[in-house]
Amino acid sequence: MTIVEKQARLLNDLILINNDRMVGYQKAMEELKKEDSDLKLLFQEKINQSGDFKAELTQKIIETNNEVETGTTNAGKIYRVWMDVKAFFGGSDRKVVLDNCEDGEDAALAAYNDALSSEGLSPDVRTILTNHHAALIISHDRIKALRDAEK
């Protein structure tokens, strides 16, 4: 496998992670109560953010004439089932939803950390991933702060 193919595989993994993130936040929005409209707006921002990340990653894969993945990861599907179970037992409690979202942000950060530790990334791809990673840290910290405020 060439360096370009390895990079495309890595970017496809991040596309799937971003798909997981979009579906996860959509699921979280469905779990919220009417009075949690502030979180619905925030979660929509995160969906849009992942859509933007996905578009950038997709463009880089297309530029190398590799195929772009669709769908979500198996781990993401498992995570959403776990989210359903927690929501069932915890109700649509704001803290439970934020807890789940923080878990999702942790998973996205871990995926980007792994990707950034890979060798052979082109400088422009490394820059894109670094920018995504920085935005994900901010997102994670915001979700965590909101969750901690619910204690």
Protein backbone atom coordinates (compact mmCIF):
# COMPACT_ATOMS: atom_id res chain seq x y z
CA MET A 1 0.00 0.00 0.00
CA THR A 2 1.39 3.39 -1.00
CA ILE A 3 1.68 6.40 1.32
CA VAL A 4 -1.14 8.09 -0.60
CA GLU A 5 -3.38 5.04 -0.14
CA LYS A 6 -2.55 4.89 3.57
CA GLN A 7 -3.36 8.57 3.93
CA ALA A 8 -6.68 8.06 2.09
CA ARG A 9 -7.54 5.16 4.41
CA LEU A 10 -6.78 7.31 7.44
CA LEU A 11 -8.88 10.19 6.07
CA ASN A 12 -11.73 7.77 5.34
CA ASP A 13 -11.59 6.60 8.97
CA LEU A 14 -11.95 10.23 10.06
CA ILE A 15 -14.87 10.70 7.67
CA LEU A 16 -16.61 7.78 9.36
CA ILE A 17 -15.84 9.26 12.79
CA ASN A 18 -17.34 12.57 11.69
CA ASN A 19 -20.40 10.70 10.38
CA ASP A 20 -20.67 9.03 13.80
CA ARG A 21 -20.43 12.44 15.44
CA MET A 22 -23.20 13.89 13.26
CA VAL A 23 -25.52 10.94 13.92
CA GLY A 24 -24.65 11.02 17.63
CA TYR A 25 -25.52 14.68 17.99
CA GLN A 26 -28.73 14.16 16.03
CA LYS A 27 -29.62 11.36 18.43
CA ALA A 28 -28.75 13.61 21.39
CA MET A 29 -31.05 16.33 20.02
CA GLU A 30 -33.89 13.82 19.94
CA GLU A 31 -33.31 13.01 23.62
CA LEU A 32 -33.59 16.64 24.77
CA LYS A 33 -36.61 18.26 26.36
CA LYS A 34 -38.23 21.40 24.94
CA GLU A 35 -36.57 23.60 27.54
CA ASP A 36 -33.13 22.48 26.34
CA SER A 37 -33.29 24.56 23.16
CA ASP A 38 -29.84 26.01 23.94
CA LEU A 39 -28.36 22.53 23.62
CA LYS A 40 -30.28 21.86 20.41
CA LEU A 41 -28.60 24.90 18.87
CA LEU A 42 -25.19 23.80 20.15
CA PHE A 43 -25.67 20.27 18.88
CA GLN A 44 -26.70 21.55 15.46
CA GLU A 45 -23.47 23.58 15.41
CA LYS A 46 -21.52 20.36 16.10
CA ILE A 47 -23.37 18.55 13.31
CA ASN A 48 -22.50 21.38 10.94
CA GLN A 49 -18.89 21.37 12.15
CA SER A 50 -18.52 17.66 11.41
CA GLY A 51 -20.14 18.20 8.01
CA ASP A 52 -17.51 20.83 7.24
CA PHE A 53 -14.72 18.52 8.47
CA LYS A 54 -16.09 15.71 6.32
CA ALA A 55 -16.17 17.96 3.24
CA GLU A 56 -12.52 18.93 3.72
CA LEU A 57 -11.44 15.32 4.22
CA THR A 58 -13.49 14.18 1.24
CA GLN A 59 -11.85 16.79 -1.00
CA LYS A 60 -8.38 15.56 -0.03
CA ILE A 61 -9.31 11.96 -0.82
CA ILE A 62 -10.82 12.94 -4.18
CA GLU A 63 -7.64 14.85 -5.06
CA THR A 64 -5.69 11.58 -4.77
CA ASN A 65 -8.20 9.65 -6.91
CA ASN A 66 -9.14 7.37 -4.02
CA GLU A 67 -12.63 6.27 -3.05
CA VAL A 68 -14.51 8.08 -0.28
CA GLU A 69 -16.20 6.05 2.47
CA THR A 70 -19.81 6.54 3.49
CA GLY A 71 -21.77 5.41 6.52
CA THR A 72 -20.64 5.15 10.11
CA THR A 73 -18.29 2.94 12.09
CA ASN A 74 -19.39 -0.18 13.93
CA ALA A 75 -18.07 1.42 17.13
CA GLY A 76 -20.31 4.41 16.45
CA LYS A 77 -23.33 2.16 16.09
CA ILE A 78 -22.46 0.46 19.37
CA TYR A 79 -22.02 3.87 20.99
CA ARG A 80 -25.48 4.99 19.86
CA VAL A 81 -27.06 1.83 21.27
CA TRP A 82 -25.28 2.55 24.56
CA MET A 83 -26.60 6.12 24.37
CA ASP A 84 -30.13 4.74 23.93
CA VAL A 85 -29.71 2.49 26.97
CA LYS A 86 -28.37 5.34 29.12
CA ALA A 87 -31.17 7.62 27.96
CA PHE A 88 -33.73 4.92 28.76
CA PHE A 89 -32.47 4.53 32.32
CA GLY A 90 -31.56 8.18 32.83
CA GLY A 91 -34.48 9.67 30.97
CA SER A 92 -33.88 12.74 28.87
CA ASP A 93 -31.87 14.26 31.68
CA ARG A 94 -29.69 17.09 30.41
CA LYS A 95 -26.63 15.82 32.29
CA VAL A 96 -27.00 12.30 30.87
CA VAL A 97 -27.22 13.68 27.32
CA LEU A 98 -24.18 15.91 27.88
CA ASP A 99 -22.31 12.96 29.42
CA ASN A 100 -22.95 10.95 26.26
CA CYS A 101 -21.86 13.86 24.09
CA GLU A 102 -18.62 14.20 26.02
CA ASP A 103 -17.95 10.49 25.45
CA GLY A 104 -18.46 11.09 21.72
CA GLU A 105 -16.10 14.07 21.76
CA ASP A 106 -13.51 11.91 23.56
CA ALA A 107 -13.80 9.30 20.79
CA ALA A 108 -13.40 11.93 18.05
CA LEU A 109 -10.36 13.42 19.78
CA ALA A 110 -8.79 9.97 20.15
CA ALA A 111 -9.29 9.29 16.44
CA TYR A 112 -7.67 12.59 15.49
CA ASN A 113 -4.82 12.01 17.96
CA ASP A 114 -4.15 8.64 16.33
CA ALA A 115 -4.30 10.19 12.87
CA LEU A 116 -1.92 13.00 13.79
CA SER A 117 0.58 10.49 15.19
CA SER A 118 0.73 8.77 11.79
CA GLU A 119 3.78 9.18 9.64
CA GLY A 120 3.58 10.06 5.99
CA LEU A 121 0.85 12.69 6.15
CA SER A 122 1.25 15.40 3.56
CA PRO A 123 1.81 18.87 5.06
CA ASP A 124 -1.57 20.16 3.86
CA VAL A 125 -3.41 17.16 5.33
CA ARG A 126 -1.51 17.52 8.61
CA THR A 127 -2.60 21.18 8.74
CA ILE A 128 -6.24 20.25 8.15
CA LEU A 129 -6.14 17.56 10.83
CA THR A 130 -4.42 19.90 13.29
CA ASN A 131 -7.13 22.51 12.72
CA HIS A 132 -9.90 19.94 13.17
CA HIS A 133 -8.21 18.66 16.32
CA ALA A 134 -7.98 22.17 17.80
CA ALA A 135 -11.68 22.77 17.09
CA LEU A 136 -12.56 19.41 18.65
CA ILE A 137 -10.68 20.31 21.84
CA ILE A 138 -12.72 23.51 22.11
CA SER A 139 -15.91 21.54 21.44
CA HIS A 140 -15.02 18.90 24.02
CA ASP A 141 -14.22 21.50 26.66
CA ARG A 142 -17.49 23.34 26.03
CA ILE A 143 -19.55 20.16 26.32
CA LYS A 144 -17.63 19.17 29.47
CA ALA A 145 -18.18 22.61 31.06
CA LEU A 146 -21.90 22.41 30.36
CA ARG A 147 -22.05 18.91 31.78
CA ASP A 148 -20.11 19.92 34.89
CA ALA A 149 -22.47 22.85 35.43
CA GLU A 150 -25.33 20.33 35.71
CA LYS A 151 -23.93 18.61 38.82
